[in-house]
Structures are given as C-alpha cells and as structure tokens.
N, C-alpha and C. Protein backbone atom coordinates (compact mmCIF):
# COMPACT_ATOMS: atom_id res chain seq x y z
N UNK A 1 -53.47 -123.41 -24.69
CA UNK A 1 -52.83 -123.06 -23.43
C UNK A 1 -53.16 -124.13 -22.41
N UNK A 2 -52.17 -124.53 -21.66
CA UNK A 2 -52.39 -125.58 -20.66
C UNK A 2 -53.21 -125.05 -19.49
N UNK A 3 -53.75 -125.98 -18.72
CA UNK A 3 -54.55 -125.57 -17.56
C UNK A 3 -53.70 -124.80 -16.56
N UNK A 4 -52.44 -125.22 -16.40
CA UNK A 4 -51.54 -124.53 -15.48
C UNK A 4 -51.30 -123.09 -15.95
N UNK A 5 -51.10 -122.90 -17.25
CA UNK A 5 -50.90 -121.55 -17.79
C UNK A 5 -52.16 -120.71 -17.63
N UNK A 6 -53.31 -121.34 -17.87
CA UNK A 6 -54.59 -120.62 -17.72
C UNK A 6 -54.78 -120.17 -16.27
N UNK A 7 -54.45 -121.05 -15.32
CA UNK A 7 -54.58 -120.69 -13.91
C UNK A 7 -53.64 -119.55 -13.54
N UNK A 8 -52.43 -119.58 -14.09
CA UNK A 8 -51.47 -118.51 -13.80
C UNK A 8 -51.98 -117.18 -14.38
N UNK A 9 -52.56 -117.23 -15.56
CA UNK A 9 -53.14 -116.04 -16.17
C UNK A 9 -54.26 -115.49 -15.31
N UNK A 10 -55.15 -116.37 -14.84
CA UNK A 10 -56.24 -115.93 -13.95
C UNK A 10 -55.69 -115.32 -12.67
N UNK A 11 -54.62 -115.89 -12.13
CA UNK A 11 -54.01 -115.34 -10.91
C UNK A 11 -53.46 -113.94 -11.17
N UNK A 12 -52.82 -113.73 -12.31
CA UNK A 12 -52.30 -112.40 -12.65
C UNK A 12 -53.44 -111.40 -12.79
N UNK A 13 -54.51 -111.80 -13.45
CA UNK A 13 -55.67 -110.91 -13.60
C UNK A 13 -56.31 -110.62 -12.26
N UNK A 14 -56.44 -111.64 -11.42
CA UNK A 14 -57.03 -111.47 -10.09
C UNK A 14 -56.21 -110.46 -9.29
N UNK A 15 -54.89 -110.56 -9.36
CA UNK A 15 -54.03 -109.63 -8.62
C UNK A 15 -54.21 -108.21 -9.13
N UNK A 16 -54.30 -108.03 -10.45
CA UNK A 16 -54.52 -106.70 -11.01
C UNK A 16 -55.85 -106.13 -10.52
N UNK A 17 -56.90 -106.94 -10.56
CA UNK A 17 -58.22 -106.49 -10.10
C UNK A 17 -58.17 -106.09 -8.63
N UNK A 18 -57.55 -106.92 -7.81
CA UNK A 18 -57.45 -106.60 -6.37
C UNK A 18 -56.63 -105.33 -6.13
N UNK A 19 -55.56 -105.16 -6.89
CA UNK A 19 -54.68 -104.00 -6.69
C UNK A 19 -55.33 -102.69 -7.12
N UNK A 20 -56.25 -102.75 -8.07
CA UNK A 20 -56.77 -101.53 -8.67
C UNK A 20 -58.22 -101.19 -8.34
N UNK A 21 -58.93 -102.11 -7.72
CA UNK A 21 -60.35 -101.88 -7.44
C UNK A 21 -60.66 -102.22 -5.98
N UNK A 22 -60.89 -101.20 -5.17
CA UNK A 22 -61.13 -101.43 -3.74
C UNK A 22 -62.26 -102.43 -3.46
N UNK A 23 -63.30 -102.43 -4.28
CA UNK A 23 -64.41 -103.35 -4.05
C UNK A 23 -63.96 -104.80 -4.15
N UNK A 24 -62.93 -105.06 -4.94
CA UNK A 24 -62.41 -106.43 -5.08
C UNK A 24 -61.74 -106.89 -3.80
N UNK A 25 -61.20 -105.95 -3.04
CA UNK A 25 -60.58 -106.31 -1.77
C UNK A 25 -61.62 -106.53 -0.68
N UNK A 26 -62.81 -105.94 -0.85
CA UNK A 26 -63.87 -106.07 0.14
C UNK A 26 -64.76 -107.28 -0.11
N UNK A 27 -64.74 -107.78 -1.33
CA UNK A 27 -65.61 -108.91 -1.69
C UNK A 27 -64.74 -110.15 -1.91
N UNK A 28 -65.34 -111.29 -1.87
CA UNK A 28 -64.64 -112.53 -2.14
C UNK A 28 -64.70 -112.79 -3.65
N UNK A 29 -63.81 -112.13 -4.39
CA UNK A 29 -63.80 -112.23 -5.84
C UNK A 29 -63.14 -113.55 -6.25
N UNK A 30 -63.86 -114.31 -7.07
CA UNK A 30 -63.36 -115.57 -7.60
C UNK A 30 -63.24 -115.43 -9.11
N UNK A 31 -62.68 -116.41 -9.79
CA UNK A 31 -62.59 -116.33 -11.26
C UNK A 31 -63.94 -116.18 -11.95
N UNK A 32 -65.02 -116.59 -11.31
CA UNK A 32 -66.34 -116.52 -11.93
C UNK A 32 -67.21 -115.38 -11.43
N UNK A 33 -66.69 -114.57 -10.51
CA UNK A 33 -67.43 -113.40 -10.03
C UNK A 33 -67.70 -112.46 -11.20
N UNK A 34 -68.92 -112.02 -11.35
CA UNK A 34 -69.27 -111.08 -12.42
C UNK A 34 -68.82 -109.68 -11.99
N UNK A 35 -67.82 -109.18 -12.65
CA UNK A 35 -67.14 -107.96 -12.22
C UNK A 35 -68.03 -106.72 -12.26
N UNK A 36 -68.75 -106.52 -13.34
CA UNK A 36 -69.63 -105.35 -13.43
C UNK A 36 -70.92 -105.56 -12.65
N UNK A 37 -71.56 -106.68 -12.86
CA UNK A 37 -72.84 -106.96 -12.21
C UNK A 37 -72.74 -106.99 -10.70
N UNK A 38 -71.62 -107.47 -10.16
CA UNK A 38 -71.45 -107.57 -8.72
C UNK A 38 -70.79 -106.32 -8.12
N UNK A 39 -70.60 -105.29 -8.94
CA UNK A 39 -70.09 -104.02 -8.43
C UNK A 39 -68.61 -104.00 -8.10
N UNK A 40 -67.85 -104.91 -8.65
CA UNK A 40 -66.41 -104.92 -8.41
C UNK A 40 -65.74 -103.82 -9.21
N UNK A 41 -66.16 -103.64 -10.46
CA UNK A 41 -65.67 -102.55 -11.31
C UNK A 41 -66.86 -101.82 -11.91
N UNK A 42 -66.63 -100.58 -12.33
CA UNK A 42 -67.66 -99.82 -13.03
C UNK A 42 -67.20 -99.62 -14.47
N UNK A 43 -67.93 -98.83 -15.23
CA UNK A 43 -67.60 -98.67 -16.65
C UNK A 43 -66.24 -98.02 -16.86
N UNK A 44 -65.86 -97.10 -15.99
CA UNK A 44 -64.52 -96.50 -16.10
C UNK A 44 -63.45 -97.53 -15.73
N UNK A 45 -63.77 -98.38 -14.80
CA UNK A 45 -62.85 -99.45 -14.43
C UNK A 45 -62.63 -100.42 -15.57
N UNK A 46 -63.66 -100.63 -16.34
CA UNK A 46 -63.55 -101.50 -17.51
C UNK A 46 -62.51 -100.94 -18.48
N UNK A 47 -62.49 -99.64 -18.64
CA UNK A 47 -61.49 -99.01 -19.51
C UNK A 47 -60.08 -99.22 -18.97
N UNK A 48 -59.91 -99.17 -17.67
CA UNK A 48 -58.62 -99.44 -17.05
C UNK A 48 -58.19 -100.88 -17.32
N UNK A 49 -59.14 -101.81 -17.25
CA UNK A 49 -58.83 -103.21 -17.54
C UNK A 49 -58.40 -103.37 -18.99
N UNK A 50 -59.12 -102.74 -19.91
CA UNK A 50 -58.77 -102.81 -21.33
C UNK A 50 -57.35 -102.29 -21.54
N UNK A 51 -57.05 -101.14 -20.95
CA UNK A 51 -55.71 -100.57 -21.09
C UNK A 51 -54.65 -101.52 -20.55
N UNK A 52 -54.92 -102.13 -19.41
CA UNK A 52 -53.98 -103.08 -18.82
C UNK A 52 -53.77 -104.28 -19.73
N UNK A 53 -54.85 -104.84 -20.27
CA UNK A 53 -54.72 -106.00 -21.15
C UNK A 53 -53.90 -105.67 -22.38
N UNK A 54 -54.16 -104.51 -22.96
CA UNK A 54 -53.43 -104.12 -24.16
C UNK A 54 -51.95 -103.90 -23.88
N UNK A 55 -51.63 -103.30 -22.74
CA UNK A 55 -50.23 -103.06 -22.38
C UNK A 55 -49.52 -104.34 -21.93
N UNK A 56 -50.16 -105.07 -21.06
CA UNK A 56 -49.54 -106.25 -20.44
C UNK A 56 -49.43 -107.44 -21.39
N UNK A 57 -50.44 -107.63 -22.23
CA UNK A 57 -50.49 -108.83 -23.07
C UNK A 57 -50.33 -108.52 -24.56
N UNK A 58 -50.06 -107.26 -24.86
CA UNK A 58 -49.80 -106.83 -26.24
C UNK A 58 -50.90 -107.27 -27.20
N UNK A 59 -52.13 -106.97 -26.81
CA UNK A 59 -53.29 -107.27 -27.65
C UNK A 59 -54.04 -105.98 -27.94
N UNK A 60 -54.85 -106.00 -28.97
CA UNK A 60 -55.70 -104.86 -29.32
C UNK A 60 -57.14 -105.29 -29.08
N UNK A 61 -57.90 -104.45 -28.40
CA UNK A 61 -59.30 -104.74 -28.13
C UNK A 61 -60.15 -103.86 -29.04
N UNK A 62 -60.90 -104.49 -29.91
CA UNK A 62 -61.80 -103.75 -30.79
C UNK A 62 -63.07 -103.38 -30.02
N UNK A 63 -63.72 -102.30 -30.46
CA UNK A 63 -64.93 -101.83 -29.78
C UNK A 63 -66.00 -102.92 -29.69
N UNK A 64 -66.14 -103.72 -30.74
CA UNK A 64 -67.17 -104.76 -30.73
C UNK A 64 -66.84 -105.92 -29.80
N UNK A 65 -65.63 -105.95 -29.25
CA UNK A 65 -65.24 -106.99 -28.30
C UNK A 65 -65.53 -106.59 -26.85
N UNK A 66 -65.93 -105.34 -26.63
CA UNK A 66 -66.24 -104.87 -25.29
C UNK A 66 -67.64 -105.33 -24.90
N UNK A 67 -67.74 -106.58 -24.52
CA UNK A 67 -69.01 -107.18 -24.14
C UNK A 67 -68.80 -108.14 -22.98
N UNK A 68 -69.90 -108.45 -22.33
CA UNK A 68 -69.84 -109.28 -21.12
C UNK A 68 -69.21 -110.65 -21.38
N UNK A 69 -69.38 -111.20 -22.57
CA UNK A 69 -68.79 -112.50 -22.88
C UNK A 69 -67.26 -112.48 -22.77
N UNK A 70 -66.67 -111.31 -22.93
CA UNK A 70 -65.21 -111.17 -22.86
C UNK A 70 -64.73 -110.56 -21.55
N UNK A 71 -65.53 -109.68 -20.97
CA UNK A 71 -65.07 -108.91 -19.81
C UNK A 71 -65.92 -109.12 -18.56
N UNK A 72 -66.76 -110.12 -18.55
CA UNK A 72 -67.67 -110.33 -17.44
C UNK A 72 -67.02 -110.78 -16.15
N UNK A 73 -65.99 -111.60 -16.26
CA UNK A 73 -65.34 -112.16 -15.07
C UNK A 73 -63.85 -112.36 -15.36
N UNK A 74 -63.10 -112.70 -14.35
CA UNK A 74 -61.68 -112.99 -14.53
C UNK A 74 -61.51 -114.18 -15.46
N UNK A 75 -62.33 -115.19 -15.30
CA UNK A 75 -62.28 -116.37 -16.16
C UNK A 75 -62.53 -115.98 -17.63
N UNK A 76 -63.52 -115.15 -17.87
CA UNK A 76 -63.83 -114.69 -19.22
C UNK A 76 -62.70 -113.84 -19.79
N UNK A 77 -62.10 -113.01 -18.96
CA UNK A 77 -60.96 -112.21 -19.39
C UNK A 77 -59.80 -113.10 -19.83
N UNK A 78 -59.54 -114.14 -19.05
CA UNK A 78 -58.45 -115.06 -19.39
C UNK A 78 -58.70 -115.74 -20.73
N UNK A 79 -59.93 -116.18 -20.96
CA UNK A 79 -60.26 -116.82 -22.24
C UNK A 79 -60.12 -115.82 -23.39
N UNK A 80 -60.52 -114.58 -23.16
CA UNK A 80 -60.39 -113.53 -24.17
C UNK A 80 -58.92 -113.33 -24.53
N UNK A 81 -58.07 -113.23 -23.53
CA UNK A 81 -56.63 -113.04 -23.77
C UNK A 81 -56.07 -114.23 -24.54
N UNK A 82 -56.46 -115.43 -24.16
CA UNK A 82 -55.98 -116.63 -24.86
C UNK A 82 -56.37 -116.58 -26.33
N UNK A 83 -57.62 -116.21 -26.63
CA UNK A 83 -58.07 -116.13 -28.03
C UNK A 83 -57.31 -115.06 -28.79
N UNK A 84 -57.14 -113.88 -28.18
CA UNK A 84 -56.46 -112.78 -28.85
C UNK A 84 -54.97 -113.10 -29.05
N UNK A 85 -54.37 -113.77 -28.11
CA UNK A 85 -52.95 -114.11 -28.21
C UNK A 85 -52.70 -115.17 -29.26
N UNK A 86 -53.69 -115.98 -29.54
CA UNK A 86 -53.53 -117.06 -30.51
C UNK A 86 -53.58 -116.53 -31.96
N UNK A 87 -54.08 -115.32 -32.13
CA UNK A 87 -54.21 -114.74 -33.48
C UNK A 87 -52.87 -114.34 -34.05
C-alpha cells in the first residue's frame, strides 16, 4: 500500500474514532496515540472498533489478533488492516 493510501486509511480510522468516542474529541488524538492506555477507548469500545473493521474493510479478526500490537493506536490499526487485506 502506498504512503498516500496508508494516510487516507489512517484518516478514515481517525474520523471513526472521533465520531464514536467522546474522549477522542476531548484529547489531541494522533495516529500514534495509545487508544486504550490513554483512555480514548475502553474494552467495550475495542469491540466496536473490531465490528467496524470487519464491516468496513471486509476482514475477519481472530481472537488471538486482539492485542495491543494490532489495536493499540490508529497507526497500528491501519497496519493491521493492510496485513489482513493482503491475505
């Protein structure tokens, strides 16, 4: 995926996070902000993100993929989607 496509993906994810999580509107969330650790989303919010990714990007998230390396930040989410979409 090109850098331009990756940036557009991050922008789409950022907009979803801002639209669905009030804490994201109150904080200066960047692509590297740690979503759970910084209190932007909680564990139930993580489930909403998973549902959104599966619906929006037509991917399946396995239970063993629910880890900080994949869902820690918007940047990590984008890389996760890129990997899953390449399969």
